[in-house]
Amino acid sequence: MEALYAKLYDKYTKLKKRKWSELDKLNKDQEVKFVTYVNAAEELIQHLKNENDQLRAQVDDLRSEVSSIRRTHGCGLWRSIHEGWESFSKHLSFVVGEGTRIRLWHDRWIGDNTLKDLYPKLYVCSAAKDACIFEVLWIPEGGIVRVWDLRFYRAFKDWELAASYSLL
């Protein structure tokens, strides 16, 4: 009986050792795979960060180009024109047409003054201070007549109603 027990115990320990060694091998293989995946993920994250930085740099470059168009040019002539624009623009008036380029409140398109100067209380309440005329004129379906669609932040006070009626 002792011989049988020793034989079984011997087989059991060998089997146990073999299983543990196989399990160790599997664990090491999985660990290597895991490390490989982690490294690949880190590389991908780094690549995406670099790509994000490159895109951000491109957007910043484009933003500076666009903003530089609206500001003075480095040339002295354009700088002088831009500096004198406020006084020069007082002598201009615009033909509305479709109204895609004429600003409702800021440009002189109706009479000798801007709407901002004629109706300062309404301008303060306006929700779209830089809107073009095209943006605030609405054409109903099948209609020919345009309708004003002015939007304001709040309801008018009693003393502002007269100005709103005269504007309309």
N, C-alpha and C. Protein backbone atom coordinates (compact mmCIF):
# COMPACT_ATOMS: atom_id res chain seq x y z
N MET A 1 0.82 -1.16 0.00
CA MET A 1 0.00 0.00 0.00
C MET A 1 0.88 1.26 0.00
N GLU A 2 1.93 1.17 0.73
CA GLU A 2 2.85 2.30 0.80
C GLU A 2 3.46 2.57 -0.57
N ALA A 3 3.75 1.52 -1.31
CA ALA A 3 4.34 1.68 -2.63
C ALA A 3 3.33 2.36 -3.57
N LEU A 4 2.08 1.95 -3.46
CA LEU A 4 1.03 2.55 -4.27
C LEU A 4 0.86 4.04 -3.91
N TYR A 5 0.86 4.32 -2.62
CA TYR A 5 0.73 5.69 -2.14
C TYR A 5 1.90 6.54 -2.63
N ALA A 6 3.10 6.01 -2.58
CA ALA A 6 4.29 6.73 -3.01
C ALA A 6 4.24 6.99 -4.52
N LYS A 7 3.75 5.96 -5.25
CA LYS A 7 3.65 6.11 -6.69
C LYS A 7 2.63 7.21 -7.05
N LEU A 8 1.47 7.16 -6.39
CA LEU A 8 0.44 8.17 -6.64
C LEU A 8 0.93 9.56 -6.24
N TYR A 9 1.57 9.63 -5.09
CA TYR A 9 2.07 10.92 -4.61
C TYR A 9 3.11 11.47 -5.57
N ASP A 10 3.96 10.57 -6.06
CA ASP A 10 5.00 10.97 -7.00
C ASP A 10 4.38 11.52 -8.29
N LYS A 11 3.36 10.79 -8.82
CA LYS A 11 2.68 11.25 -10.03
C LYS A 11 1.98 12.59 -9.77
N TYR A 12 1.38 12.71 -8.60
CA TYR A 12 0.66 13.93 -8.26
C TYR A 12 1.61 15.12 -8.19
N THR A 13 2.75 14.96 -7.57
CA THR A 13 3.70 16.06 -7.45
C THR A 13 4.30 16.42 -8.82
N LYS A 14 4.57 15.38 -9.64
CA LYS A 14 5.08 15.67 -10.97
C LYS A 14 4.02 16.42 -11.80
N LEU A 15 2.77 15.93 -11.68
CA LEU A 15 1.67 16.58 -12.40
C LEU A 15 1.50 18.02 -11.91
N LYS A 16 1.56 18.19 -10.62
CA LYS A 16 1.42 19.51 -10.02
C LYS A 16 2.54 20.43 -10.49
N LYS A 17 3.78 19.91 -10.50
CA LYS A 17 4.90 20.72 -10.95
C LYS A 17 4.75 21.07 -12.42
N ARG A 18 4.31 20.07 -13.21
CA ARG A 18 4.14 20.32 -14.63
C ARG A 18 3.05 21.37 -14.88
N LYS A 19 1.96 21.25 -14.15
CA LYS A 19 0.87 22.23 -14.30
C LYS A 19 1.36 23.63 -13.92
N TRP A 20 2.09 23.71 -12.81
CA TRP A 20 2.58 25.02 -12.39
C TRP A 20 3.58 25.59 -13.38
N SER A 21 4.41 24.72 -13.93
CA SER A 21 5.39 25.21 -14.91
C SER A 21 4.67 25.66 -16.19
N GLU A 22 3.63 24.90 -16.59
CA GLU A 22 2.84 25.32 -17.75
C GLU A 22 2.12 26.64 -17.47
N LEU A 23 1.57 26.72 -16.27
CA LEU A 23 0.87 27.94 -15.88
C LEU A 23 1.84 29.12 -15.82
N ASP A 24 3.03 28.88 -15.30
CA ASP A 24 4.06 29.92 -15.28
C ASP A 24 4.39 30.37 -16.70
N LYS A 25 4.53 29.38 -17.59
CA LYS A 25 4.85 29.70 -18.98
C LYS A 25 3.72 30.51 -19.60
N LEU A 26 2.48 30.07 -19.35
CA LEU A 26 1.33 30.82 -19.87
C LEU A 26 1.30 32.24 -19.30
N ASN A 27 1.54 32.35 -18.00
CA ASN A 27 1.55 33.67 -17.38
C ASN A 27 2.62 34.56 -17.99
N LYS A 28 3.81 33.98 -18.21
CA LYS A 28 4.89 34.78 -18.79
C LYS A 28 4.52 35.19 -20.21
N ASP A 29 3.93 34.26 -20.99
CA ASP A 29 3.50 34.60 -22.35
C ASP A 29 2.44 35.71 -22.32
N GLN A 30 1.48 35.56 -21.40
CA GLN A 30 0.43 36.58 -21.30
C GLN A 30 1.01 37.90 -20.81
N GLU A 31 1.96 37.82 -19.91
CA GLU A 31 2.59 39.04 -19.42
C GLU A 31 3.32 39.74 -20.56
N VAL A 32 4.00 38.97 -21.39
CA VAL A 32 4.70 39.55 -22.53
C VAL A 32 3.68 40.18 -23.48
N LYS A 33 2.58 39.46 -23.74
CA LYS A 33 1.54 40.01 -24.61
C LYS A 33 0.96 41.28 -24.00
N PHE A 34 0.70 41.26 -22.71
CA PHE A 34 0.13 42.42 -22.03
C PHE A 34 1.07 43.62 -22.13
N VAL A 35 2.35 43.38 -21.88
CA VAL A 35 3.34 44.46 -21.98
C VAL A 35 3.40 44.98 -23.41
N THR A 36 3.31 44.06 -24.37
CA THR A 36 3.32 44.46 -25.78
C THR A 36 2.12 45.35 -26.08
N TYR A 37 0.93 44.94 -25.59
CA TYR A 37 -0.27 45.75 -25.81
C TYR A 37 -0.18 47.10 -25.12
N VAL A 38 0.35 47.12 -23.92
CA VAL A 38 0.50 48.38 -23.20
C VAL A 38 1.45 49.31 -23.95
N ASN A 39 2.56 48.75 -24.42
CA ASN A 39 3.51 49.57 -25.19
C ASN A 39 2.88 50.11 -26.47
N ALA A 40 2.11 49.24 -27.15
CA ALA A 40 1.44 49.69 -28.38
C ALA A 40 0.43 50.79 -28.05
N ALA A 41 -0.29 50.63 -26.95
CA ALA A 41 -1.27 51.65 -26.54
C ALA A 41 -0.57 52.96 -26.20
N GLU A 42 0.55 52.88 -25.51
CA GLU A 42 1.30 54.09 -25.18
C GLU A 42 1.81 54.79 -26.44
N GLU A 43 2.28 54.00 -27.40
CA GLU A 43 2.74 54.59 -28.66
C GLU A 43 1.58 55.27 -29.39
N LEU A 44 0.41 54.62 -29.39
CA LEU A 44 -0.76 55.20 -30.04
C LEU A 44 -1.18 56.49 -29.35
N ILE A 45 -1.18 56.49 -28.04
CA ILE A 45 -1.53 57.70 -27.29
C ILE A 45 -0.55 58.82 -27.60
N GLN A 46 0.73 58.51 -27.63
CA GLN A 46 1.74 59.52 -27.94
C GLN A 46 1.55 60.05 -29.36
N HIS A 47 1.26 59.13 -30.29
CA HIS A 47 1.02 59.54 -31.68
C HIS A 47 -0.19 60.47 -31.76
N LEU A 48 -1.27 60.12 -31.05
CA LEU A 48 -2.47 60.96 -31.06
C LEU A 48 -2.21 62.31 -30.42
N LYS A 49 -1.40 62.33 -29.35
CA LYS A 49 -1.05 63.61 -28.72
C LYS A 49 -0.27 64.48 -29.70
N ASN A 50 0.70 63.87 -30.39
CA ASN A 50 1.49 64.63 -31.36
C ASN A 50 0.60 65.14 -32.49
N GLU A 51 -0.31 64.26 -32.95
CA GLU A 51 -1.22 64.67 -34.02
C GLU A 51 -2.13 65.79 -33.54
N ASN A 52 -2.61 65.67 -32.31
CA ASN A 52 -3.46 66.72 -31.74
C ASN A 52 -2.69 68.04 -31.65
N ASP A 53 -1.43 67.96 -31.23
CA ASP A 53 -0.61 69.17 -31.15
C ASP A 53 -0.40 69.78 -32.53
N GLN A 54 -0.19 68.92 -33.53
CA GLN A 54 -0.01 69.42 -34.89
C GLN A 54 -1.29 70.08 -35.39
N LEU A 55 -2.44 69.44 -35.13
CA LEU A 55 -3.71 70.03 -35.56
C LEU A 55 -3.96 71.35 -34.84
N ARG A 56 -3.66 71.38 -33.55
CA ARG A 56 -3.84 72.62 -32.79
C ARG A 56 -2.95 73.72 -33.36
N ALA A 57 -1.72 73.36 -33.72
CA ALA A 57 -0.81 74.36 -34.31
C ALA A 57 -1.35 74.86 -35.64
N GLN A 58 -1.91 73.94 -36.45
CA GLN A 58 -2.48 74.36 -37.73
C GLN A 58 -3.67 75.28 -37.52
N VAL A 59 -4.53 74.94 -36.56
CA VAL A 59 -5.69 75.79 -36.26
C VAL A 59 -5.23 77.15 -35.77
N ASP A 60 -4.23 77.17 -34.91
CA ASP A 60 -3.70 78.45 -34.42
C ASP A 60 -3.13 79.28 -35.56
N ASP A 61 -2.42 78.62 -36.49
CA ASP A 61 -1.88 79.34 -37.64
C ASP A 61 -3.00 79.94 -38.48
N LEU A 62 -4.04 79.12 -38.74
CA LEU A 62 -5.16 79.62 -39.53
C LEU A 62 -5.88 80.76 -38.81
N ARG A 63 -6.04 80.61 -37.50
CA ARG A 63 -6.71 81.65 -36.73
C ARG A 63 -5.92 82.96 -36.80
N SER A 64 -4.60 82.86 -36.70
CA SER A 64 -3.80 84.08 -36.76
C SER A 64 -3.85 84.69 -38.16
N GLU A 65 -3.92 83.84 -39.20
CA GLU A 65 -4.04 84.37 -40.56
C GLU A 65 -5.35 85.11 -40.73
N VAL A 66 -6.45 84.50 -40.25
CA VAL A 66 -7.76 85.13 -40.39
C VAL A 66 -7.83 86.41 -39.58
N SER A 67 -7.33 86.38 -38.36
CA SER A 67 -7.38 87.59 -37.54
C SER A 67 -6.47 88.67 -38.11
N SER A 68 -5.40 88.27 -38.76
CA SER A 68 -4.51 89.28 -39.34
C SER A 68 -5.17 89.95 -40.54
N ILE A 69 -6.10 89.27 -41.17
CA ILE A 69 -6.81 89.88 -42.29
C ILE A 69 -7.69 91.02 -41.79
N ARG A 70 -8.29 90.85 -40.63
CA ARG A 70 -9.19 91.86 -40.09
C ARG A 70 -8.44 92.99 -39.41
N ARG A 71 -7.21 92.81 -39.11
CA ARG A 71 -6.42 93.85 -38.46
C ARG A 71 -5.58 94.59 -39.49
N THR A 72 -4.80 95.50 -38.99
CA THR A 72 -3.95 96.27 -39.89
C THR A 72 -2.87 95.38 -40.47
N HIS A 73 -2.51 95.68 -41.66
CA HIS A 73 -1.41 94.99 -42.31
C HIS A 73 -0.12 95.66 -41.85
N GLY A 74 0.98 94.99 -41.98
CA GLY A 74 2.25 95.55 -41.52
C GLY A 74 2.67 96.79 -42.30
N CYS A 75 2.13 96.94 -43.48
CA CYS A 75 2.48 98.07 -44.33
C CYS A 75 1.94 99.37 -43.74
N GLY A 76 2.72 100.43 -43.80
CA GLY A 76 2.32 101.70 -43.22
C GLY A 76 1.05 102.27 -43.82
N LEU A 77 0.83 102.06 -45.12
CA LEU A 77 -0.36 102.58 -45.78
C LEU A 77 -1.62 101.96 -45.20
N TRP A 78 -1.64 100.62 -45.08
CA TRP A 78 -2.82 99.95 -44.54
C TRP A 78 -3.02 100.28 -43.07
N ARG A 79 -1.95 100.40 -42.35
CA ARG A 79 -2.07 100.77 -40.94
C ARG A 79 -2.72 102.15 -40.82
N SER A 80 -2.30 103.07 -41.66
CA SER A 80 -2.87 104.42 -41.63
C SER A 80 -4.34 104.41 -42.03
N ILE A 81 -4.67 103.62 -43.04
CA ILE A 81 -6.07 103.52 -43.46
C ILE A 81 -6.91 102.95 -42.33
N HIS A 82 -6.41 101.91 -41.68
CA HIS A 82 -7.17 101.30 -40.59
C HIS A 82 -7.33 102.25 -39.41
N GLU A 83 -6.28 102.99 -39.10
CA GLU A 83 -6.36 103.93 -37.97
C GLU A 83 -7.36 105.04 -38.25
N GLY A 84 -7.49 105.46 -39.50
CA GLY A 84 -8.41 106.53 -39.83
C GLY A 84 -9.78 106.06 -40.28
N TRP A 85 -10.03 104.76 -40.14
CA TRP A 85 -11.28 104.19 -40.65
C TRP A 85 -12.51 104.78 -39.97
N GLU A 86 -12.47 104.98 -38.66
CA GLU A 86 -13.64 105.52 -37.95
C GLU A 86 -14.06 106.86 -38.52
N SER A 87 -13.11 107.75 -38.70
CA SER A 87 -13.47 109.08 -39.22
C SER A 87 -13.82 109.00 -40.71
N PHE A 88 -13.16 108.13 -41.45
CA PHE A 88 -13.43 107.99 -42.88
C PHE A 88 -14.79 107.34 -43.13
N SER A 89 -15.13 106.32 -42.33
CA SER A 89 -16.37 105.58 -42.57
C SER A 89 -17.61 106.42 -42.31
N LYS A 90 -17.47 107.53 -41.58
CA LYS A 90 -18.61 108.41 -41.34
C LYS A 90 -19.11 109.03 -42.64
N HIS A 91 -18.26 109.08 -43.64
CA HIS A 91 -18.61 109.69 -44.91
C HIS A 91 -19.10 108.66 -45.93
N LEU A 92 -19.25 107.41 -45.51
CA LEU A 92 -19.70 106.35 -46.41
C LEU A 92 -21.14 105.99 -46.11
N SER A 93 -21.84 105.53 -47.13
CA SER A 93 -23.15 104.91 -46.93
C SER A 93 -23.18 103.67 -47.81
N PHE A 94 -24.05 102.73 -47.49
CA PHE A 94 -24.06 101.46 -48.17
C PHE A 94 -25.39 101.23 -48.86
N VAL A 95 -25.35 100.52 -49.96
CA VAL A 95 -26.56 100.04 -50.62
C VAL A 95 -26.78 98.63 -50.10
N VAL A 96 -27.98 98.37 -49.58
CA VAL A 96 -28.22 97.13 -48.85
C VAL A 96 -28.19 95.91 -49.76
N GLY A 97 -28.94 95.90 -50.85
CA GLY A 97 -29.01 94.71 -51.69
C GLY A 97 -29.56 93.53 -50.90
N GLU A 98 -28.83 92.44 -50.86
CA GLU A 98 -29.24 91.27 -50.07
C GLU A 98 -28.95 91.45 -48.59
N GLY A 99 -28.04 92.32 -48.27
CA GLY A 99 -27.71 92.60 -46.87
C GLY A 99 -26.76 91.61 -46.24
N THR A 100 -26.04 90.85 -47.06
CA THR A 100 -25.14 89.84 -46.50
C THR A 100 -23.86 90.43 -45.93
N ARG A 101 -23.51 91.66 -46.34
CA ARG A 101 -22.26 92.25 -45.88
C ARG A 101 -22.45 93.51 -45.04
N ILE A 102 -23.67 93.93 -44.87
CA ILE A 102 -23.92 95.18 -44.16
C ILE A 102 -24.43 94.86 -42.76
N ARG A 103 -23.73 95.37 -41.78
CA ARG A 103 -24.09 95.10 -40.39
C ARG A 103 -25.23 96.02 -39.97
N LEU A 104 -26.24 95.42 -39.38
CA LEU A 104 -27.46 96.12 -39.02
C LEU A 104 -27.21 97.32 -38.12
N TRP A 105 -26.49 97.13 -37.05
CA TRP A 105 -26.33 98.18 -36.05
C TRP A 105 -25.14 99.10 -36.32
N HIS A 106 -24.10 98.61 -36.98
CA HIS A 106 -22.84 99.35 -37.06
C HIS A 106 -22.63 100.13 -38.35
N ASP A 107 -23.22 99.69 -39.45
CA ASP A 107 -22.98 100.36 -40.73
C ASP A 107 -24.03 101.43 -41.00
N ARG A 108 -23.64 102.42 -41.76
CA ARG A 108 -24.53 103.54 -42.11
C ARG A 108 -25.25 103.16 -43.40
N TRP A 109 -26.42 102.55 -43.26
CA TRP A 109 -27.16 102.09 -44.43
C TRP A 109 -28.54 102.74 -44.53
N ILE A 110 -28.97 103.41 -43.48
CA ILE A 110 -30.27 104.08 -43.51
C ILE A 110 -30.08 105.49 -42.96
N GLY A 111 -30.04 106.45 -43.84
CA GLY A 111 -29.84 107.83 -43.41
C GLY A 111 -28.37 108.12 -43.14
N ASP A 112 -28.14 109.14 -42.32
CA ASP A 112 -26.78 109.60 -42.06
C ASP A 112 -26.15 109.01 -40.81
N ASN A 113 -26.90 108.22 -40.04
CA ASN A 113 -26.39 107.66 -38.79
C ASN A 113 -26.54 106.14 -38.79
N THR A 114 -25.83 105.52 -37.90
CA THR A 114 -26.00 104.08 -37.71
C THR A 114 -27.19 103.85 -36.79
N LEU A 115 -27.77 102.66 -36.86
CA LEU A 115 -28.88 102.34 -35.96
C LEU A 115 -28.41 102.32 -34.50
N LYS A 116 -27.17 101.98 -34.31
CA LYS A 116 -26.60 101.98 -32.96
C LYS A 116 -26.63 103.39 -32.37
N ASP A 117 -26.37 104.40 -33.19
CA ASP A 117 -26.40 105.78 -32.72
C ASP A 117 -27.83 106.30 -32.59
N LEU A 118 -28.71 105.87 -33.49
CA LEU A 118 -30.09 106.35 -33.46
C LEU A 118 -30.90 105.73 -32.31
N TYR A 119 -30.63 104.46 -32.01
CA TYR A 119 -31.38 103.73 -30.99
C TYR A 119 -30.43 103.06 -30.00
N PRO A 120 -29.73 103.83 -29.20
CA PRO A 120 -28.74 103.23 -28.29
C PRO A 120 -29.36 102.31 -27.24
N LYS A 121 -30.57 102.61 -26.79
CA LYS A 121 -31.22 101.76 -25.78
C LYS A 121 -31.59 100.40 -26.37
N LEU A 122 -32.03 100.40 -27.61
CA LEU A 122 -32.35 99.12 -28.26
C LEU A 122 -31.09 98.33 -28.58
N TYR A 123 -30.03 99.04 -28.95
CA TYR A 123 -28.76 98.38 -29.24
C TYR A 123 -28.23 97.64 -28.02
N VAL A 124 -28.37 98.25 -26.85
CA VAL A 124 -27.91 97.62 -25.61
C VAL A 124 -28.66 96.32 -25.36
N CYS A 125 -29.95 96.28 -25.70
CA CYS A 125 -30.78 95.08 -25.47
C CYS A 125 -30.65 94.04 -26.57
N SER A 126 -30.02 94.38 -27.68
CA SER A 126 -29.96 93.49 -28.84
C SER A 126 -29.19 92.21 -28.53
N ALA A 127 -29.73 91.09 -29.00
CA ALA A 127 -29.07 89.80 -28.80
C ALA A 127 -28.01 89.54 -29.87
N ALA A 128 -28.13 90.24 -30.99
CA ALA A 128 -27.18 90.04 -32.09
C ALA A 128 -26.62 91.39 -32.51
N LYS A 129 -25.63 91.85 -31.79
CA LYS A 129 -25.08 93.19 -32.03
C LYS A 129 -24.27 93.27 -33.33
N ASP A 130 -23.71 92.17 -33.79
CA ASP A 130 -22.91 92.17 -35.01
C ASP A 130 -23.62 91.51 -36.18
N ALA A 131 -24.94 91.38 -36.10
CA ALA A 131 -25.69 90.68 -37.15
C ALA A 131 -25.73 91.50 -38.43
N CYS A 132 -25.70 90.79 -39.55
CA CYS A 132 -25.89 91.44 -40.84
C CYS A 132 -27.39 91.59 -41.09
N ILE A 133 -27.74 92.47 -42.00
CA ILE A 133 -29.15 92.70 -42.30
C ILE A 133 -29.80 91.41 -42.79
N PHE A 134 -29.08 90.65 -43.59
CA PHE A 134 -29.60 89.39 -44.12
C PHE A 134 -30.03 88.43 -43.00
N GLU A 135 -29.32 88.45 -41.89
CA GLU A 135 -29.60 87.54 -40.78
C GLU A 135 -30.86 87.91 -40.02
N VAL A 136 -31.26 89.17 -40.05
CA VAL A 136 -32.43 89.59 -39.27
C VAL A 136 -33.65 89.86 -40.14
N LEU A 137 -33.55 89.63 -41.44
CA LEU A 137 -34.70 89.73 -42.33
C LEU A 137 -35.17 88.33 -42.66
N TRP A 138 -36.45 88.11 -42.50
CA TRP A 138 -37.02 86.77 -42.70
C TRP A 138 -38.03 86.86 -43.82
N ILE A 139 -38.00 85.90 -44.73
CA ILE A 139 -38.98 85.85 -45.82
C ILE A 139 -39.89 84.66 -45.56
N PRO A 140 -41.18 84.90 -45.29
CA PRO A 140 -42.10 83.78 -45.05
C PRO A 140 -42.23 82.92 -46.31
N GLU A 141 -42.66 81.67 -46.13
CA GLU A 141 -42.81 80.76 -47.26
C GLU A 141 -43.80 81.33 -48.26
N GLY A 142 -43.39 81.36 -49.50
CA GLY A 142 -44.26 81.87 -50.55
C GLY A 142 -44.46 83.37 -50.50
N GLY A 143 -43.76 84.02 -49.60
CA GLY A 143 -43.92 85.47 -49.46
C GLY A 143 -42.88 86.23 -50.24
N ILE A 144 -43.23 87.45 -50.56
CA ILE A 144 -42.31 88.33 -51.26
C ILE A 144 -41.75 89.37 -50.29
N VAL A 145 -42.56 89.71 -49.32
CA VAL A 145 -42.21 90.76 -48.36
C VAL A 145 -41.29 90.19 -47.29
N ARG A 146 -40.28 90.94 -46.94
CA ARG A 146 -39.38 90.54 -45.86
C ARG A 146 -39.92 91.05 -44.53
N VAL A 147 -39.69 90.29 -43.48
CA VAL A 147 -40.16 90.64 -42.15
C VAL A 147 -38.95 90.73 -41.23
N TRP A 148 -38.90 91.78 -40.41
CA TRP A 148 -37.81 91.93 -39.45
C TRP A 148 -37.92 90.88 -38.37
N ASP A 149 -36.81 90.26 -38.04
CA ASP A 149 -36.75 89.28 -36.96
C ASP A 149 -35.65 89.70 -35.98
N LEU A 150 -35.86 90.83 -35.35
CA LEU A 150 -34.88 91.34 -34.38
C LEU A 150 -35.07 90.62 -33.06
N ARG A 151 -33.98 90.27 -32.43
CA ARG A 151 -34.05 89.56 -31.15
C ARG A 151 -33.36 90.38 -30.08
N PHE A 152 -33.99 90.39 -28.91
CA PHE A 152 -33.47 91.17 -27.80
C PHE A 152 -33.35 90.26 -26.58
N TYR A 153 -32.43 90.62 -25.68
CA TYR A 153 -32.18 89.81 -24.48
C TYR A 153 -33.35 89.84 -23.51
N ARG A 154 -34.05 90.91 -23.48
CA ARG A 154 -35.11 91.05 -22.48
C ARG A 154 -36.26 91.84 -23.08
N ALA A 155 -37.38 91.83 -22.36
CA ALA A 155 -38.53 92.64 -22.78
C ALA A 155 -38.20 94.11 -22.55
N PHE A 156 -38.82 94.96 -23.34
CA PHE A 156 -38.55 96.39 -23.23
C PHE A 156 -39.22 96.98 -21.99
N LYS A 157 -38.56 97.95 -21.42
CA LYS A 157 -39.15 98.75 -20.34
C LYS A 157 -40.12 99.75 -20.98
N ASP A 158 -40.95 100.36 -20.15
CA ASP A 158 -41.94 101.30 -20.68
C ASP A 158 -41.29 102.43 -21.47
N TRP A 159 -40.19 102.95 -20.98
CA TRP A 159 -39.54 104.08 -21.65
C TRP A 159 -38.81 103.66 -22.92
N GLU A 160 -38.65 102.34 -23.14
CA GLU A 160 -37.99 101.87 -24.36
C GLU A 160 -38.99 101.51 -25.46
N LEU A 161 -40.26 101.42 -25.11
CA LEU A 161 -41.27 101.02 -26.09
C LEU A 161 -41.38 102.03 -27.23
N ALA A 162 -41.32 103.30 -26.92
CA ALA A 162 -41.44 104.33 -27.97
C ALA A 162 -40.32 104.17 -28.99
N ALA A 163 -39.10 103.91 -28.53
CA ALA A 163 -37.97 103.73 -29.45
C ALA A 163 -38.18 102.48 -30.30
N SER A 164 -38.71 101.41 -29.70
CA SER A 164 -38.92 100.19 -30.47
C SER A 164 -40.00 100.39 -31.52
N TYR A 165 -41.06 101.16 -31.21
CA TYR A 165 -42.11 101.43 -32.19
C TYR A 165 -41.58 102.28 -33.33
N SER A 166 -40.75 103.26 -33.00
CA SER A 166 -40.22 104.13 -34.06
C SER A 166 -39.23 103.37 -34.95
N LEU A 167 -38.53 102.38 -34.39
CA LEU A 167 -37.62 101.57 -35.20
C LEU A 167 -38.40 100.73 -36.20
N LEU A 168 -39.49 100.16 -35.74
CA LEU A 168 -40.29 99.30 -36.61
C LEU A 168 -41.14 100.14 -37.53
